[in-house]
Structure formats: C-alpha cells, structure tokens
PDB file of N, CA and C in Angstrom:
ATOM      1  N   MET A   1      82.944  40.532 103.715  1.00  0.00           N
ATOM      2  CA  MET A   1      81.549  40.475 103.316  1.00  0.00           C
ATOM      3  C   MET A   1      81.034  39.066 103.563  1.00  0.00           C
ATOM      4  N   LYS A   2      79.761  38.996 103.930  1.00  0.00           N
ATOM      5  CA  LYS A   2      79.129  37.711 104.170  1.00  0.00           C
ATOM      6  C   LYS A   2      77.742  37.737 103.552  1.00  0.00           C
ATOM      7  N   ILE A   3      77.414  36.701 102.788  1.00  0.00           N
ATOM      8  CA  ILE A   3      76.079  36.555 102.210  1.00  0.00           C
ATOM      9  C   ILE A   3      75.565  35.177 102.592  1.00  0.00           C
ATOM     10  N   ASP A   4      74.455  35.148 103.331  1.00  0.00           N
ATOM     11  CA  ASP A   4      73.854  33.899 103.790  1.00  0.00           C
ATOM     12  C   ASP A   4      72.431  33.792 103.289  1.00  0.00           C
ATOM     13  N   ILE A   5      71.976  32.540 103.106  1.00  0.00           N
ATOM     14  CA  ILE A   5      70.607  32.242 102.706  1.00  0.00           C
ATOM     15  C   ILE A   5      69.916  31.573 103.891  1.00  0.00           C
ATOM     16  N   PHE A   6      68.668  32.009 104.163  1.00  0.00           N
ATOM     17  CA  PHE A   6      67.876  31.435 105.242  1.00  0.00           C
ATOM     18  C   PHE A   6      66.489  31.075 104.717  1.00  0.00           C
ATOM     19  N   LYS A   7      65.856  30.071 105.344  1.00  0.00           N
ATOM     20  CA  LYS A   7      64.453  29.807 105.067  1.00  0.00           C
ATOM     21  C   LYS A   7      63.649  30.976 105.611  1.00  0.00           C
ATOM     22  N   GLU A   8      62.440  31.119 105.142  1.00  0.00           N
ATOM     23  CA  GLU A   8      61.599  32.228 105.577  1.00  0.00           C
ATOM     24  C   GLU A   8      61.362  32.189 107.091  1.00  0.00           C
ATOM     25  N   GLN A   9      61.430  30.993 107.689  1.00  0.00           N
ATOM     26  CA  GLN A   9      61.245  30.835 109.128  1.00  0.00           C
ATOM     27  C   GLN A   9      62.515  31.160 109.915  1.00  0.00           C
ATOM     28  N   GLY A  10      63.625  31.470 109.222  1.00  0.00           N
ATOM     29  CA  GLY A  10      64.857  31.876 109.882  1.00  0.00           C
ATOM     30  C   GLY A  10      65.928  30.808 109.990  1.00  0.00           C
ATOM     31  N   GLN A  11      65.678  29.599 109.501  1.00  0.00           N
ATOM     32  CA  GLN A  11      66.668  28.527 109.571  1.00  0.00           C
ATOM     33  C   GLN A  11      67.735  28.731 108.503  1.00  0.00           C
ATOM     34  N   PHE A  12      69.003  28.571 108.906  1.00  0.00           N
ATOM     35  CA  PHE A  12      70.138  28.735 107.995  1.00  0.00           C
ATOM     36  C   PHE A  12      70.075  27.687 106.889  1.00  0.00           C
ATOM     37  N   VAL A  13      70.376  28.098 105.652  1.00  0.00           N
ATOM     38  CA  VAL A  13      70.395  27.190 104.506  1.00  0.00           C
ATOM     39  C   VAL A  13      71.809  27.052 103.951  1.00  0.00           C
ATOM     40  N   ASN A  14      72.445  28.171 103.605  1.00  0.00           N
ATOM     41  CA  ASN A  14      73.765  28.108 102.971  1.00  0.00           C
ATOM     42  C   ASN A  14      74.454  29.469 103.066  1.00  0.00           C
ATOM     43  N   SER A  15      75.767  29.437 102.989  1.00  0.00           N
ATOM     44  CA  SER A  15      76.563  30.656 102.941  1.00  0.00           C
ATOM     45  C   SER A  15      77.164  30.772 101.548  1.00  0.00           C
ATOM     46  N   LEU A  16      76.915  31.882 100.874  1.00  0.00           N
ATOM     47  CA  LEU A  16      77.411  32.059  99.510  1.00  0.00           C
ATOM     48  C   LEU A  16      78.765  32.743  99.475  1.00  0.00           C
ATOM     49  N   VAL A  17      78.980  33.691 100.374  1.00  0.00           N
ATOM     50  CA  VAL A  17      80.242  34.428 100.436  1.00  0.00           C
ATOM     51  C   VAL A  17      80.593  34.587 101.909  1.00  0.00           C
ATOM     52  N   ASP A  18      81.841  34.351 102.243  1.00  0.00           N
ATOM     53  CA  ASP A  18      82.310  34.567 103.610  1.00  0.00           C
ATOM     54  C   ASP A  18      83.778  34.949 103.554  1.00  0.00           C
ATOM     55  N   GLY A  19      84.023  36.210 103.255  1.00  0.00           N
ATOM     56  CA  GLY A  19      85.396  36.682 103.167  1.00  0.00           C
ATOM     57  C   GLY A  19      85.480  37.985 102.396  1.00  0.00           C
ATOM     58  N   SER A  20      86.692  38.443 102.214  1.00  0.00           N
ATOM     59  CA  SER A  20      86.943  39.705 101.544  1.00  0.00           C
ATOM     60  C   SER A  20      86.843  39.545 100.027  1.00  0.00           C
ATOM     61  N   LEU A  21      86.200  40.505  99.380  1.00  0.00           N
ATOM     62  CA  LEU A  21      86.088  40.496  97.920  1.00  0.00           C
ATOM     63  C   LEU A  21      86.892  41.612  97.273  1.00  0.00           C
ATOM     64  N   GLY A  22      87.347  42.585  98.043  1.00  0.00           N
ATOM     65  CA  GLY A  22      88.070  43.700  97.454  1.00  0.00           C
ATOM     66  C   GLY A  22      87.117  44.706  96.856  1.00  0.00           C
ATOM     67  N   ALA A  23      87.674  45.664  96.156  1.00  0.00           N
ATOM     68  CA  ALA A  23      86.862  46.721  95.556  1.00  0.00           C
ATOM     69  C   ALA A  23      86.277  46.263  94.231  1.00  0.00           C
ATOM     70  N   GLY A  24      85.150  46.855  93.851  1.00  0.00           N
ATOM     71  CA  GLY A  24      84.561  46.563  92.548  1.00  0.00           C
ATOM     72  C   GLY A  24      83.154  46.026  92.655  1.00  0.00           C
ATOM     73  N   ASP A  25      82.586  45.694  91.511  1.00  0.00           N
ATOM     74  CA  ASP A  25      81.244  45.133  91.422  1.00  0.00           C
ATOM     75  C   ASP A  25      81.349  43.618  91.337  1.00  0.00           C
ATOM     76  N   PHE A  26      80.394  42.943  91.968  1.00  0.00           N
ATOM     77  CA  PHE A  26      80.399  41.487  91.973  1.00  0.00           C
ATOM     78  C   PHE A  26      79.000  40.954  91.741  1.00  0.00           C
ATOM     79  N   GLU A  27      78.926  39.772  91.191  1.00  0.00           N
ATOM     80  CA  GLU A  27      77.664  39.072  90.996  1.00  0.00           C
ATOM     81  C   GLU A  27      77.786  37.715  91.663  1.00  0.00           C
ATOM     82  N   VAL A  28      76.799  37.369  92.482  1.00  0.00           N
ATOM     83  CA  VAL A  28      76.801  36.089  93.186  1.00  0.00           C
ATOM     84  C   VAL A  28      75.546  35.343  92.783  1.00  0.00           C
ATOM     85  N   THR A  29      75.691  34.068  92.437  1.00  0.00           N
ATOM     86  CA  THR A  29      74.569  33.244  92.028  1.00  0.00           C
ATOM     87  C   THR A  29      74.418  32.078  92.991  1.00  0.00           C
ATOM     88  N   TRP A  30      73.206  31.870  93.480  1.00  0.00           N
ATOM     89  CA  TRP A  30      72.901  30.733  94.343  1.00  0.00           C
ATOM     90  C   TRP A  30      72.370  29.610  93.474  1.00  0.00           C
ATOM     91  N   ASP A  31      72.952  28.422  93.609  1.00  0.00           N
ATOM     92  CA  ASP A  31      72.538  27.284  92.792  1.00  0.00           C
ATOM     93  C   ASP A  31      71.372  26.508  93.386  1.00  0.00           C
ATOM     94  N   GLY A  32      70.792  26.994  94.477  1.00  0.00           N
ATOM     95  CA  GLY A  32      69.622  26.348  95.065  1.00  0.00           C
ATOM     96  C   GLY A  32      69.946  25.177  95.964  1.00  0.00           C
ATOM     97  N   THR A  33      71.182  25.098  96.439  1.00  0.00           N
ATOM     98  CA  THR A  33      71.557  23.997  97.323  1.00  0.00           C
ATOM     99  C   THR A  33      71.740  24.507  98.753  1.00  0.00           C
ATOM    100  N   ASP A  34      71.607  23.567  99.707  1.00  0.00           N
ATOM    101  CA  ASP A  34      71.858  23.908 101.097  1.00  0.00           C
ATOM    102  C   ASP A  34      73.340  23.690 101.408  1.00  0.00           C
ATOM    103  N   ALA A  35      73.716  23.830 102.660  1.00  0.00           N
ATOM    104  CA  ALA A  35      75.121  23.721 103.065  1.00  0.00           C
ATOM    105  C   ALA A  35      75.680  22.315 102.853  1.00  0.00           C
ATOM    106  N   ASN A  36      74.805  21.309 102.716  1.00  0.00           N
ATOM    107  CA  ASN A  36      75.241  19.931 102.476  1.00  0.00           C
ATOM    108  C   ASN A  36      75.245  19.558 100.999  1.00  0.00           C
ATOM    109  N   GLY A  37      74.883  20.510 100.134  1.00  0.00           N
ATOM    110  CA  GLY A  37      74.864  20.252  98.699  1.00  0.00           C
ATOM    111  C   GLY A  37      73.555  19.694  98.183  1.00  0.00           C
ATOM    112  N   ASN A  38      72.537  19.611  99.040  1.00  0.00           N
ATOM    113  CA  ASN A  38      71.229  19.098  98.631  1.00  0.00           C
ATOM    114  C   ASN A  38      70.387  20.221  98.035  1.00  0.00           C
ATOM    115  N   LEU A  39      69.658  19.913  96.975  1.00  0.00           N
ATOM    116  CA  LEU A  39      68.785  20.894  96.344  1.00  0.00           C
ATOM    117  C   LEU A  39      67.621  21.213  97.271  1.00  0.00           C
ATOM    118  N   VAL A  40      67.357  22.499  97.494  1.00  0.00           N
ATOM    119  CA  VAL A  40      66.255  22.910  98.369  1.00  0.00           C
ATOM    120  C   VAL A  40      64.950  22.918  97.581  1.00  0.00           C
ATOM    121  N   SER A  41      63.840  22.962  98.290  1.00  0.00           N
ATOM    122  CA  SER A  41      62.539  22.997  97.632  1.00  0.00           C
ATOM    123  C   SER A  41      62.214  24.417  97.171  1.00  0.00           C
ATOM    124  N   SER A  42      61.288  24.511  96.239  1.00  0.00           N
ATOM    125  CA  SER A  42      60.828  25.819  95.778  1.00  0.00           C
ATOM    126  C   SER A  42      60.185  26.555  96.941  1.00  0.00           C
ATOM    127  N   GLY A  43      60.340  27.871  96.971  1.00  0.00           N
ATOM    128  CA  GLY A  43      59.730  28.647  98.036  1.00  0.00           C
ATOM    129  C   GLY A  43      60.395  29.990  98.208  1.00  0.00           C
ATOM    130  N   VAL A  44      60.032  30.668  99.278  1.00  0.00           N
ATOM    131  CA  VAL A  44      60.570  31.987  99.587  1.00  0.00           C
ATOM    132  C   VAL A  44      61.724  31.829 100.571  1.00  0.00           C
ATOM    133  N   TYR A  45      62.842  32.464 100.254  1.00  0.00           N
ATOM    134  CA  TYR A  45      64.035  32.444 101.096  1.00  0.00           C
ATOM    135  C   TYR A  45      64.465  33.878 101.355  1.00  0.00           C
ATOM    136  N   ILE A  46      65.340  34.048 102.327  1.00  0.00           N
ATOM    137  CA  ILE A  46      65.853  35.373 102.664  1.00  0.00           C
ATOM    138  C   ILE A  46      67.360  35.360 102.509  1.00  0.00           C
ATOM    139  N   TYR A  47      67.889  36.366 101.808  1.00  0.00           N
ATOM    140  CA  TYR A  47      69.345  36.494 101.759  1.00  0.00           C
ATOM    141  C   TYR A  47      69.747  37.689 102.603  1.00  0.00           C
ATOM    142  N   LYS A  48      70.809  37.498 103.390  1.00  0.00           N
ATOM    143  CA  LYS A  48      71.321  38.547 104.264  1.00  0.00           C
ATOM    144  C   LYS A  48      72.733  38.893 103.837  1.00  0.00           C
ATOM    145  N   ILE A  49      72.980  40.168 103.648  1.00  0.00           N
ATOM    146  CA  ILE A  49      74.303  40.665 103.272  1.00  0.00           C
ATOM    147  C   ILE A  49      74.844  41.506 104.415  1.00  0.00           C
ATOM    148  N   LYS A  50      76.044  41.151 104.865  1.00  0.00           N
ATOM    149  CA  LYS A  50      76.723  41.918 105.906  1.00  0.00           C
ATOM    150  C   LYS A  50      78.109  42.281 105.408  1.00  0.00           C
ATOM    151  N   ALA A  51      78.426  43.549 105.513  1.00  0.00           N
ATOM    152  CA  ALA A  51      79.741  44.066 105.127  1.00  0.00           C
ATOM    153  C   ALA A  51      80.028  45.266 106.023  1.00  0.00           C
ATOM    154  N   PRO A  52      81.269  45.745 106.033  1.00  0.00           N
ATOM    155  CA  PRO A  52      81.535  46.949 106.820  1.00  0.00           C
ATOM    156  C   PRO A  52      80.602  48.086 106.388  1.00  0.00           C
ATOM    157  N   ASN A  53      79.928  48.679 107.326  1.00  0.00           N
ATOM    158  CA  ASN A  53      79.011  49.797 107.087  1.00  0.00           C
ATOM    159  C   ASN A  53      77.782  49.429 106.261  1.00  0.00           C
ATOM    160  N   LEU A  54      77.450  48.123 106.169  1.00  0.00           N
ATOM    161  CA  LEU A  54      76.294  47.703 105.376  1.00  0.00           C
ATOM    162  C   LEU A  54      75.727  46.415 105.947  1.00  0.00           C
ATOM    163  N   SER A  55      74.419  46.372 106.110  1.00  0.00           N
ATOM    164  CA  SER A  55      73.751  45.161 106.563  1.00  0.00           C
ATOM    165  C   SER A  55      72.289  45.245 106.153  1.00  0.00           C
ATOM    166  N   PHE A  56      71.818  44.284 105.343  1.00  0.00           N
ATOM    167  CA  PHE A  56      70.416  44.263 104.964  1.00  0.00           C
ATOM    168  C   PHE A  56      70.003  42.862 104.538  1.00  0.00           C
ATOM    169  N   SER A  57      68.719  42.638 104.472  1.00  0.00           N
ATOM    170  CA  SER A  57      68.187  41.351 104.025  1.00  0.00           C
ATOM    171  C   SER A  57      66.995  41.603 103.113  1.00  0.00           C
ATOM    172  N   LYS A  58      66.796  40.676 102.193  1.00  0.00           N
ATOM    173  CA  LYS A  58      65.684  40.771 101.236  1.00  0.00           C
ATOM    174  C   LYS A  58      65.144  39.364 100.981  1.00  0.00           C
ATOM    175  N   LYS A  59      63.924  39.300 100.545  1.00  0.00           N
ATOM    176  CA  LYS A  59      63.310  38.026 100.184  1.00  0.00           C
ATOM    177  C   LYS A  59      63.591  37.704  98.730  1.00  0.00           C
ATOM    178  N   VAL A  60      63.693  36.407  98.459  1.00  0.00           N
ATOM    179  CA  VAL A  60      63.886  35.944  97.096  1.00  0.00           C
ATOM    180  C   VAL A  60      63.080  34.662  96.924  1.00  0.00           C
ATOM    181  N   THR A  61      62.472  34.473  95.755  1.00  0.00           N
ATOM    182  CA  THR A  61      61.708  33.257  95.482  1.00  0.00           C
ATOM    183  C   THR A  61      62.551  32.320  94.648  1.00  0.00           C
ATOM    184  N   PHE A  62      62.698  31.086  95.124  1.00  0.00           N
ATOM    185  CA  PHE A  62      63.457  30.070  94.386  1.00  0.00           C
ATOM    186  C   PHE A  62      62.461  29.135  93.734  1.00  0.00           C
ATOM    187  N   LEU A  63      62.563  28.963  92.419  1.00  0.00           N
ATOM    188  CA  LEU A  63      61.698  28.059  91.658  1.00  0.00           C
ATOM    189  C   LEU A  63      62.551  27.033  90.954  1.00  0.00           C
ATOM    190  N   LYS A  64      62.145  25.778  91.015  1.00  0.00           N
ATOM    191  CA  LYS A  64      62.872  24.697  90.324  1.00  0.00           C
ATOM    192  C   LYS A  64      62.483  24.674  88.872  1.00  0.00           C
TER     193      LYS A  64
END
C-alpha cells in the first residue's frame, strides 16, 4: 500500500505509507509536514491511495 500527499497543483509533498500493512483496519495521520520535515502552509491537498485492486484520490483541507 502507498499513501502520498500532493499539492492541489500536483506537486509531491510527502509519503505517509510505502509498504505492506497486512490485514485489518488502519488509521494514518498526516502531521502537516513535507518530505523534508517542514510544516506546509494551510490549503487544499490531495491524498492518493494505491493498493492491490484499489487506487483513488481525494481532497483534504489542512489548517494550522
């Protein structure tokens, strides 16, 4: 499974999950940082989830 965060314009921000999680339910929390550990600005971001037999993206609003 892979979960990535992108700016609304499509620029990569951070990867939250990149690997196998096994069976079950999971909760993933984004701390609002980019791949370098810097806090991002408030705004609309897109998270993309890719897994076997599953791929989708949704918008999320990040507020400081």
